[in-house]
Amino acid sequence: MANIIRRNEPRAVGRPTTEWPWQWEPFRAMRDLMRWDPFSELEPILHREPVFSPRFDVTETGGTYVFKADLPGVKESDLEISLTGNQLRISGHRGEERVEESDRSHVTERTYGSFLRSFTLPEGCDPDHAHADLKDGVLTLTMPKKPEVQPRKITIASESEKASKGRA
């Protein structure tokens, strides 16, 4: 289960973090710089089946939370979005393509199967006005905030307004 986490500023790649200043994370640096996960190459050794697990981007604007995921090959009918309390669940399935017996596969890197992602929503979300769209293999789910939790601008009264209120 993933919670929504605010990321205020980007971290320097491979540099010590503010939470753990004494700890340098070389594998994080490798993933960030080279877009390479050294442990992904261990999958054949471990004889694990690769798992289809789409990655999500979650952003917060003044009035909404926006969830985006790349879901190539996932049909709208194979996708389910549900909300129970403050738990948002997005699940789906990407089916494996048929391969003829006469075909010879040289490289198989794409993954297939079912996935389930769960997010804990903060207080103040308005699920009655949520909107989901699957276009060109990208899922975009917009969850608006209730008006009472959206930021509002407070105006500062000028001296003349204060004086006129004092006379009334």
N, C-alpha and C. Protein backbone atom coordinates (compact mmCIF):
# COMPACT_ATOMS: atom_id res chain seq x y z
N MET A 1 0.85 -1.16 0.00
CA MET A 1 0.00 0.00 0.00
C MET A 1 0.90 1.23 0.00
N ALA A 2 0.56 2.18 -0.83
CA ALA A 2 1.38 3.40 -0.93
C ALA A 2 0.57 4.58 -0.45
N ASN A 3 1.16 5.42 0.33
CA ASN A 3 0.51 6.65 0.77
C ASN A 3 0.98 7.79 -0.10
N ILE A 4 0.18 8.83 -0.14
CA ILE A 4 0.57 10.01 -0.89
C ILE A 4 1.63 10.74 -0.09
N ILE A 5 2.76 11.00 -0.74
CA ILE A 5 3.88 11.64 -0.08
C ILE A 5 4.20 12.92 -0.82
N ARG A 6 4.34 14.01 -0.11
CA ARG A 6 4.69 15.28 -0.73
C ARG A 6 6.20 15.33 -0.91
N ARG A 7 6.62 15.63 -2.11
CA ARG A 7 8.04 15.78 -2.40
C ARG A 7 8.26 17.25 -2.73
N ASN A 8 8.85 17.99 -1.78
CA ASN A 8 9.01 19.43 -1.94
C ASN A 8 10.13 19.80 -2.88
N GLU A 9 11.23 19.09 -2.82
CA GLU A 9 12.36 19.45 -3.67
C GLU A 9 13.07 18.19 -4.11
N PRO A 10 13.62 18.20 -5.32
CA PRO A 10 14.32 17.00 -5.79
C PRO A 10 15.60 16.79 -4.98
N ARG A 11 15.91 15.54 -4.77
CA ARG A 11 17.13 15.21 -4.05
C ARG A 11 18.29 15.13 -5.04
N ALA A 12 19.45 15.45 -4.57
CA ALA A 12 20.63 15.31 -5.41
C ALA A 12 20.90 13.82 -5.60
N VAL A 13 21.19 13.44 -6.81
CA VAL A 13 21.37 12.04 -7.14
C VAL A 13 22.60 11.48 -6.44
N GLY A 14 22.39 10.40 -5.71
CA GLY A 14 23.51 9.71 -5.08
C GLY A 14 24.12 10.44 -3.90
N ARG A 15 23.55 11.57 -3.52
CA ARG A 15 24.09 12.33 -2.40
C ARG A 15 23.41 11.90 -1.12
N PRO A 16 24.01 12.16 0.02
CA PRO A 16 23.35 11.82 1.27
C PRO A 16 22.03 12.57 1.39
N THR A 17 21.04 11.91 1.95
CA THR A 17 19.73 12.53 2.14
C THR A 17 19.72 13.31 3.43
N THR A 18 18.75 14.19 3.59
CA THR A 18 18.66 14.98 4.82
C THR A 18 18.24 14.11 5.99
N GLU A 19 17.45 13.05 5.71
CA GLU A 19 17.03 12.17 6.80
C GLU A 19 18.20 11.32 7.31
N TRP A 20 19.07 10.90 6.42
CA TRP A 20 20.19 10.02 6.77
C TRP A 20 21.49 10.63 6.23
N PRO A 21 22.00 11.67 6.85
CA PRO A 21 23.16 12.36 6.27
C PRO A 21 24.42 11.50 6.23
N TRP A 22 24.49 10.47 7.03
CA TRP A 22 25.70 9.64 7.05
C TRP A 22 25.63 8.47 6.08
N GLN A 23 24.52 8.32 5.39
CA GLN A 23 24.33 7.15 4.55
C GLN A 23 24.25 7.55 3.08
N TRP A 24 25.18 7.05 2.26
CA TRP A 24 25.15 7.27 0.82
C TRP A 24 24.49 6.06 0.20
N GLU A 25 23.62 6.25 -0.78
CA GLU A 25 22.87 5.15 -1.36
C GLU A 25 23.33 4.90 -2.80
N PRO A 26 24.32 4.05 -3.00
CA PRO A 26 24.85 3.85 -4.35
C PRO A 26 23.83 3.23 -5.31
N PHE A 27 22.95 2.33 -4.82
CA PHE A 27 21.98 1.71 -5.73
C PHE A 27 20.93 2.72 -6.16
N ARG A 28 20.55 3.64 -5.28
CA ARG A 28 19.62 4.70 -5.67
C ARG A 28 20.29 5.57 -6.74
N ALA A 29 21.56 5.90 -6.55
CA ALA A 29 22.27 6.71 -7.53
C ALA A 29 22.32 6.01 -8.88
N MET A 30 22.57 4.70 -8.86
CA MET A 30 22.64 3.94 -10.10
C MET A 30 21.29 3.95 -10.81
N ARG A 31 20.21 3.73 -10.03
CA ARG A 31 18.87 3.74 -10.64
C ARG A 31 18.54 5.12 -11.18
N ASP A 32 18.87 6.19 -10.43
CA ASP A 32 18.52 7.54 -10.84
C ASP A 32 19.33 7.99 -12.06
N LEU A 33 20.62 7.72 -12.05
CA LEU A 33 21.48 8.19 -13.14
C LEU A 33 21.35 7.36 -14.41
N MET A 34 21.33 6.06 -14.25
CA MET A 34 21.39 5.19 -15.41
C MET A 34 20.04 4.56 -15.77
N ARG A 35 19.02 4.84 -14.96
CA ARG A 35 17.72 4.21 -15.16
C ARG A 35 17.90 2.69 -15.25
N TRP A 36 18.73 2.17 -14.34
CA TRP A 36 19.05 0.74 -14.34
C TRP A 36 18.90 0.22 -12.94
N ASP A 37 18.16 -0.85 -12.80
CA ASP A 37 17.99 -1.50 -11.52
C ASP A 37 18.82 -2.77 -11.53
N PRO A 38 19.91 -2.81 -10.75
CA PRO A 38 20.79 -3.98 -10.80
C PRO A 38 20.11 -5.26 -10.36
N PHE A 39 19.06 -5.16 -9.55
CA PHE A 39 18.40 -6.37 -9.06
C PHE A 39 17.44 -6.96 -10.08
N SER A 40 17.04 -6.19 -11.08
CA SER A 40 16.13 -6.73 -12.09
C SER A 40 16.81 -7.83 -12.91
N GLU A 41 18.13 -7.78 -13.01
CA GLU A 41 18.84 -8.80 -13.77
C GLU A 41 18.97 -10.11 -13.00
N LEU A 42 18.63 -10.09 -11.72
CA LEU A 42 18.67 -11.31 -10.92
C LEU A 42 17.42 -12.17 -11.10
N GLU A 43 16.38 -11.63 -11.74
CA GLU A 43 15.13 -12.37 -11.88
C GLU A 43 15.31 -13.74 -12.52
N PRO A 44 16.06 -13.87 -13.62
CA PRO A 44 16.22 -15.22 -14.18
C PRO A 44 16.93 -16.18 -13.21
N ILE A 45 17.82 -15.67 -12.42
CA ILE A 45 18.54 -16.51 -11.46
C ILE A 45 17.60 -17.00 -10.38
N LEU A 46 16.71 -16.15 -9.95
CA LEU A 46 15.78 -16.50 -8.88
C LEU A 46 14.60 -17.32 -9.39
N HIS A 47 14.48 -17.47 -10.71
CA HIS A 47 13.40 -18.22 -11.34
C HIS A 47 12.03 -17.69 -10.95
N ARG A 48 11.95 -16.40 -10.78
CA ARG A 48 10.67 -15.76 -10.49
C ARG A 48 9.99 -15.38 -11.79
N GLU A 49 8.70 -15.44 -11.77
CA GLU A 49 7.94 -14.94 -12.91
C GLU A 49 7.94 -13.41 -12.84
N PRO A 50 8.23 -12.72 -13.94
CA PRO A 50 8.16 -11.27 -13.91
C PRO A 50 6.72 -10.82 -13.64
N VAL A 51 6.60 -9.76 -12.90
CA VAL A 51 5.28 -9.27 -12.50
C VAL A 51 4.99 -7.96 -13.21
N PHE A 52 3.78 -7.85 -13.75
CA PHE A 52 3.36 -6.60 -14.36
C PHE A 52 2.92 -5.68 -13.24
N SER A 53 3.67 -4.62 -13.02
CA SER A 53 3.37 -3.67 -11.96
C SER A 53 3.57 -2.26 -12.49
N PRO A 54 2.50 -1.62 -12.95
CA PRO A 54 2.65 -0.27 -13.50
C PRO A 54 3.03 0.73 -12.42
N ARG A 55 3.78 1.72 -12.83
CA ARG A 55 4.20 2.78 -11.91
C ARG A 55 3.23 3.95 -12.03
N PHE A 56 3.00 4.60 -10.90
CA PHE A 56 2.04 5.70 -10.85
C PHE A 56 2.76 7.00 -10.51
N ASP A 57 2.25 8.08 -11.07
CA ASP A 57 2.62 9.44 -10.67
C ASP A 57 1.42 10.01 -9.94
N VAL A 58 1.64 10.57 -8.77
CA VAL A 58 0.56 11.20 -8.01
C VAL A 58 0.96 12.64 -7.76
N THR A 59 0.12 13.58 -8.23
CA THR A 59 0.42 14.99 -8.05
C THR A 59 -0.78 15.67 -7.38
N GLU A 60 -0.49 16.73 -6.65
CA GLU A 60 -1.52 17.50 -5.98
C GLU A 60 -1.50 18.91 -6.53
N THR A 61 -2.67 19.39 -6.93
CA THR A 61 -2.82 20.77 -7.36
C THR A 61 -3.63 21.48 -6.28
N GLY A 62 -3.98 22.72 -6.50
CA GLY A 62 -4.76 23.45 -5.51
C GLY A 62 -6.10 22.81 -5.22
N GLY A 63 -6.71 22.20 -6.22
CA GLY A 63 -8.05 21.67 -6.02
C GLY A 63 -8.22 20.18 -6.29
N THR A 64 -7.15 19.46 -6.70
CA THR A 64 -7.30 18.04 -7.05
C THR A 64 -6.05 17.24 -6.70
N TYR A 65 -6.26 15.92 -6.70
CA TYR A 65 -5.17 14.95 -6.72
C TYR A 65 -5.28 14.25 -8.06
N VAL A 66 -4.16 14.08 -8.75
CA VAL A 66 -4.16 13.46 -10.07
C VAL A 66 -3.25 12.23 -10.03
N PHE A 67 -3.82 11.08 -10.39
CA PHE A 67 -3.09 9.82 -10.45
C PHE A 67 -2.93 9.47 -11.92
N LYS A 68 -1.68 9.20 -12.34
CA LYS A 68 -1.42 8.82 -13.74
C LYS A 68 -0.58 7.55 -13.75
N ALA A 69 -0.92 6.67 -14.70
CA ALA A 69 -0.16 5.43 -14.85
C ALA A 69 -0.11 5.05 -16.31
N ASP A 70 1.04 4.55 -16.74
CA ASP A 70 1.17 4.00 -18.09
C ASP A 70 0.67 2.56 -18.06
N LEU A 71 -0.37 2.30 -18.82
CA LEU A 71 -0.97 0.96 -18.86
C LEU A 71 -1.10 0.48 -20.30
N PRO A 72 0.03 0.35 -21.02
CA PRO A 72 -0.07 -0.09 -22.41
C PRO A 72 -0.63 -1.50 -22.50
N GLY A 73 -1.55 -1.70 -23.40
CA GLY A 73 -2.12 -3.02 -23.61
C GLY A 73 -3.23 -3.40 -22.65
N VAL A 74 -3.57 -2.53 -21.71
CA VAL A 74 -4.66 -2.81 -20.78
C VAL A 74 -5.94 -2.20 -21.35
N LYS A 75 -6.94 -3.03 -21.51
CA LYS A 75 -8.22 -2.56 -22.04
C LYS A 75 -9.05 -1.95 -20.91
N GLU A 76 -9.92 -1.04 -21.28
CA GLU A 76 -10.80 -0.40 -20.29
C GLU A 76 -11.63 -1.44 -19.53
N SER A 77 -12.04 -2.49 -20.24
CA SER A 77 -12.85 -3.54 -19.61
C SER A 77 -12.04 -4.38 -18.62
N ASP A 78 -10.70 -4.36 -18.71
CA ASP A 78 -9.84 -5.11 -17.81
C ASP A 78 -9.31 -4.27 -16.66
N LEU A 79 -9.89 -3.10 -16.45
CA LEU A 79 -9.43 -2.16 -15.44
C LEU A 79 -10.57 -1.91 -14.45
N GLU A 80 -10.25 -1.88 -13.15
CA GLU A 80 -11.25 -1.62 -12.12
C GLU A 80 -10.70 -0.61 -11.12
N ILE A 81 -11.50 0.42 -10.85
CA ILE A 81 -11.12 1.44 -9.88
C ILE A 81 -12.21 1.47 -8.82
N SER A 82 -11.83 1.32 -7.56
CA SER A 82 -12.82 1.32 -6.48
C SER A 82 -12.31 2.14 -5.31
N LEU A 83 -13.26 2.59 -4.50
CA LEU A 83 -12.94 3.40 -3.32
C LEU A 83 -13.74 2.85 -2.16
N THR A 84 -13.04 2.46 -1.10
CA THR A 84 -13.67 1.99 0.12
C THR A 84 -13.13 2.84 1.26
N GLY A 85 -13.98 3.67 1.83
CA GLY A 85 -13.50 4.62 2.85
C GLY A 85 -12.53 5.57 2.19
N ASN A 86 -11.30 5.60 2.69
CA ASN A 86 -10.27 6.45 2.08
C ASN A 86 -9.23 5.63 1.31
N GLN A 87 -9.56 4.36 1.01
CA GLN A 87 -8.65 3.48 0.28
C GLN A 87 -9.04 3.42 -1.20
N LEU A 88 -8.18 3.95 -2.05
CA LEU A 88 -8.37 3.90 -3.49
C LEU A 88 -7.64 2.67 -4.01
N ARG A 89 -8.36 1.81 -4.73
CA ARG A 89 -7.76 0.59 -5.29
C ARG A 89 -7.90 0.62 -6.80
N ILE A 90 -6.77 0.42 -7.47
CA ILE A 90 -6.76 0.37 -8.93
C ILE A 90 -6.17 -0.99 -9.31
N SER A 91 -6.97 -1.79 -9.99
CA SER A 91 -6.51 -3.12 -10.37
C SER A 91 -6.82 -3.35 -11.84
N GLY A 92 -6.11 -4.30 -12.42
CA GLY A 92 -6.32 -4.60 -13.82
C GLY A 92 -5.55 -5.82 -14.26
N HIS A 93 -5.63 -6.08 -15.54
CA HIS A 93 -4.99 -7.26 -16.11
C HIS A 93 -4.54 -6.95 -17.54
N ARG A 94 -3.32 -7.34 -17.84
CA ARG A 94 -2.83 -7.26 -19.22
C ARG A 94 -2.53 -8.68 -19.66
N GLY A 95 -3.29 -9.12 -20.67
CA GLY A 95 -3.16 -10.49 -21.14
C GLY A 95 -1.95 -10.69 -22.04
N GLU A 96 -1.41 -11.88 -21.98
CA GLU A 96 -0.25 -12.24 -22.80
C GLU A 96 -0.69 -12.47 -24.24
N GLU A 97 0.14 -12.03 -25.17
CA GLU A 97 -0.18 -12.22 -26.58
C GLU A 97 0.09 -13.67 -26.98
N ARG A 98 -0.68 -14.13 -27.92
CA ARG A 98 -0.50 -15.50 -28.39
C ARG A 98 0.75 -15.58 -29.28
N VAL A 99 1.51 -16.62 -29.07
CA VAL A 99 2.71 -16.87 -29.87
C VAL A 99 2.52 -18.20 -30.58
N GLU A 100 2.72 -18.18 -31.87
CA GLU A 100 2.59 -19.40 -32.65
C GLU A 100 3.75 -20.35 -32.32
N GLU A 101 3.48 -21.65 -32.42
CA GLU A 101 4.53 -22.64 -32.14
C GLU A 101 5.69 -22.51 -33.11
N SER A 102 5.40 -22.08 -34.32
CA SER A 102 6.46 -21.97 -35.32
C SER A 102 7.34 -20.74 -35.08
N ASP A 103 6.86 -19.80 -34.27
CA ASP A 103 7.65 -18.59 -33.98
C ASP A 103 8.75 -18.92 -32.98
N ARG A 104 9.87 -18.25 -33.15
CA ARG A 104 10.99 -18.43 -32.24
C ARG A 104 11.22 -17.11 -31.52
N SER A 105 11.12 -17.12 -30.22
CA SER A 105 11.30 -15.90 -29.43
C SER A 105 12.77 -15.74 -29.06
N HIS A 106 13.33 -14.56 -29.35
CA HIS A 106 14.72 -14.29 -29.03
C HIS A 106 14.87 -13.51 -27.73
N VAL A 107 13.98 -12.56 -27.52
CA VAL A 107 14.01 -11.76 -26.30
C VAL A 107 12.57 -11.57 -25.84
N THR A 108 12.32 -11.79 -24.55
CA THR A 108 11.01 -11.55 -23.97
C THR A 108 11.20 -10.69 -22.74
N GLU A 109 10.87 -9.41 -22.86
CA GLU A 109 11.06 -8.48 -21.75
C GLU A 109 9.75 -7.92 -21.21
N ARG A 110 8.71 -7.93 -22.01
CA ARG A 110 7.44 -7.37 -21.56
C ARG A 110 6.79 -8.32 -20.57
N THR A 111 6.11 -7.75 -19.58
CA THR A 111 5.47 -8.56 -18.57
C THR A 111 3.95 -8.49 -18.73
N TYR A 112 3.29 -9.52 -18.22
CA TYR A 112 1.85 -9.65 -18.33
C TYR A 112 1.31 -10.10 -16.99
N GLY A 113 0.02 -10.00 -16.87
CA GLY A 113 -0.62 -10.50 -15.66
C GLY A 113 -1.49 -9.45 -15.00
N SER A 114 -1.87 -9.74 -13.77
CA SER A 114 -2.74 -8.86 -13.00
C SER A 114 -1.92 -7.97 -12.10
N PHE A 115 -2.49 -6.82 -11.77
CA PHE A 115 -1.84 -5.91 -10.83
C PHE A 115 -2.89 -5.30 -9.92
N LEU A 116 -2.45 -4.82 -8.78
CA LEU A 116 -3.31 -4.12 -7.83
C LEU A 116 -2.46 -3.07 -7.13
N ARG A 117 -2.92 -1.83 -7.19
CA ARG A 117 -2.26 -0.74 -6.46
C ARG A 117 -3.29 -0.14 -5.53
N SER A 118 -2.85 0.24 -4.35
CA SER A 118 -3.74 0.79 -3.36
C SER A 118 -3.13 2.07 -2.81
N PHE A 119 -3.95 3.11 -2.65
CA PHE A 119 -3.50 4.40 -2.15
C PHE A 119 -4.41 4.84 -1.02
N THR A 120 -3.85 5.40 0.03
CA THR A 120 -4.63 5.98 1.11
C THR A 120 -4.82 7.46 0.80
N LEU A 121 -6.07 7.86 0.64
CA LEU A 121 -6.37 9.25 0.30
C LEU A 121 -6.44 10.10 1.56
N PRO A 122 -6.01 11.34 1.47
CA PRO A 122 -6.11 12.22 2.64
C PRO A 122 -7.56 12.67 2.84
N GLU A 123 -7.82 13.23 4.01
CA GLU A 123 -9.15 13.76 4.30
C GLU A 123 -9.48 14.89 3.32
N GLY A 124 -10.74 15.02 3.00
CA GLY A 124 -11.16 16.13 2.16
C GLY A 124 -11.29 15.82 0.69
N CYS A 125 -11.09 14.56 0.28
CA CYS A 125 -11.27 14.20 -1.13
C CYS A 125 -12.77 14.08 -1.42
N ASP A 126 -13.14 14.36 -2.65
CA ASP A 126 -14.54 14.32 -3.06
C ASP A 126 -14.71 13.22 -4.10
N PRO A 127 -14.92 11.97 -3.67
CA PRO A 127 -15.00 10.86 -4.63
C PRO A 127 -16.23 10.91 -5.51
N ASP A 128 -17.26 11.66 -5.11
CA ASP A 128 -18.48 11.75 -5.92
C ASP A 128 -18.23 12.48 -7.24
N HIS A 129 -17.17 13.27 -7.30
CA HIS A 129 -16.86 14.02 -8.51
C HIS A 129 -15.54 13.57 -9.16
N ALA A 130 -15.09 12.35 -8.82
CA ALA A 130 -13.86 11.81 -9.41
C ALA A 130 -14.11 11.47 -10.87
N HIS A 131 -13.03 11.54 -11.65
CA HIS A 131 -13.14 11.27 -13.09
C HIS A 131 -11.92 10.46 -13.52
N ALA A 132 -12.16 9.38 -14.26
CA ALA A 132 -11.08 8.53 -14.77
C ALA A 132 -11.16 8.47 -16.28
N ASP A 133 -9.97 8.45 -16.92
CA ASP A 133 -9.90 8.42 -18.37
C ASP A 133 -8.73 7.53 -18.77
N LEU A 134 -8.94 6.62 -19.72
CA LEU A 134 -7.88 5.78 -20.26
C LEU A 134 -7.74 6.13 -21.73
N LYS A 135 -6.65 6.82 -22.06
CA LYS A 135 -6.45 7.28 -23.44
C LYS A 135 -5.00 7.02 -23.84
N ASP A 136 -4.82 6.38 -24.97
CA ASP A 136 -3.49 6.06 -25.51
C ASP A 136 -2.62 5.31 -24.50
N GLY A 137 -3.24 4.42 -23.73
CA GLY A 137 -2.50 3.60 -22.78
C GLY A 137 -2.11 4.32 -21.49
N VAL A 138 -2.66 5.51 -21.25
CA VAL A 138 -2.36 6.27 -20.03
C VAL A 138 -3.65 6.45 -19.24
N LEU A 139 -3.66 5.96 -18.01
CA LEU A 139 -4.79 6.16 -17.12
C LEU A 139 -4.58 7.47 -16.38
N THR A 140 -5.60 8.32 -16.39
CA THR A 140 -5.58 9.57 -15.64
C THR A 140 -6.81 9.59 -14.76
N LEU A 141 -6.59 9.59 -13.44
CA LEU A 141 -7.68 9.64 -12.48
C LEU A 141 -7.57 10.96 -11.72
N THR A 142 -8.63 11.75 -11.79
CA THR A 142 -8.65 13.05 -11.12
C THR A 142 -9.61 12.98 -9.95
N MET A 143 -9.08 13.23 -8.75
CA MET A 143 -9.87 13.20 -7.53
C MET A 143 -9.92 14.62 -6.97
N PRO A 144 -11.06 15.32 -7.11
CA PRO A 144 -11.11 16.70 -6.61
C PRO A 144 -11.15 16.76 -5.08
N LYS A 145 -10.75 17.90 -4.56
CA LYS A 145 -10.85 18.15 -3.12
C LYS A 145 -12.20 18.81 -2.86
N LYS A 146 -12.73 18.60 -1.67
CA LYS A 146 -13.97 19.27 -1.29
C LYS A 146 -13.68 20.76 -1.17
N PRO A 147 -14.66 21.61 -1.47
CA PRO A 147 -14.43 23.06 -1.43
C PRO A 147 -13.91 23.56 -0.08
N GLU A 148 -14.37 22.95 1.01
CA GLU A 148 -13.94 23.44 2.33
C GLU A 148 -12.48 23.16 2.65
N VAL A 149 -11.82 22.25 1.91
CA VAL A 149 -10.40 21.99 2.17
C VAL A 149 -9.49 22.59 1.11
N GLN A 150 -10.07 23.24 0.10
CA GLN A 150 -9.26 23.88 -0.93
C GLN A 150 -8.71 25.20 -0.40
N PRO A 151 -7.53 25.59 -0.84
CA PRO A 151 -6.95 26.85 -0.37
C PRO A 151 -7.81 28.04 -0.81
N ARG A 152 -7.95 28.99 0.08
CA ARG A 152 -8.70 30.21 -0.22
C ARG A 152 -7.83 31.41 0.07
N LYS A 153 -8.03 32.44 -0.69
CA LYS A 153 -7.28 33.67 -0.50
C LYS A 153 -8.05 34.57 0.48
N ILE A 154 -7.34 35.12 1.43
CA ILE A 154 -7.94 36.02 2.40
C ILE A 154 -7.44 37.42 2.08
N THR A 155 -8.36 38.32 1.86
CA THR A 155 -7.98 39.68 1.51
C THR A 155 -7.69 40.49 2.77
N ILE A 156 -6.81 41.42 2.61
CA ILE A 156 -6.43 42.30 3.71
C ILE A 156 -7.21 43.60 3.55
N ALA A 157 -7.91 43.98 4.61
CA ALA A 157 -8.73 45.19 4.57
C ALA A 157 -7.82 46.41 4.60
N SER A 158 -8.15 47.39 3.76
CA SER A 158 -7.37 48.62 3.73
C SER A 158 -7.81 49.52 4.88
N GLU A 159 -7.05 50.56 5.13
CA GLU A 159 -7.36 51.50 6.23
C GLU A 159 -8.71 52.17 6.01
N SER A 160 -9.05 52.52 4.76
CA SER A 160 -10.33 53.18 4.49
C SER A 160 -11.53 52.25 4.78
N GLU A 161 -11.36 50.94 4.47
CA GLU A 161 -12.42 49.97 4.76
C GLU A 161 -12.60 49.81 6.27
N LYS A 162 -11.49 49.80 7.01
CA LYS A 162 -11.57 49.69 8.46
C LYS A 162 -12.29 50.91 9.05
N ALA A 163 -11.97 52.11 8.53
CA ALA A 163 -12.59 53.32 9.04
C ALA A 163 -14.08 53.35 8.74
N SER A 164 -14.49 52.91 7.54
CA SER A 164 -15.91 52.94 7.19
C SER A 164 -16.70 51.93 8.03
N LYS A 165 -16.10 50.79 8.39
CA LYS A 165 -16.78 49.80 9.24
C LYS A 165 -16.93 50.34 10.67
N GLY A 166 -15.94 51.13 11.12
CA GLY A 166 -15.98 51.68 12.47
C GLY A 166 -17.09 52.72 12.62
N ARG A 167 -17.46 53.42 11.56
CA ARG A 167 -18.52 54.45 11.60
C ARG A 167 -19.92 53.83 11.58
N ALA A 168 -20.03 52.66 11.00
CA ALA A 168 -21.36 52.07 10.82
C ALA A 168 -21.92 51.48 12.09
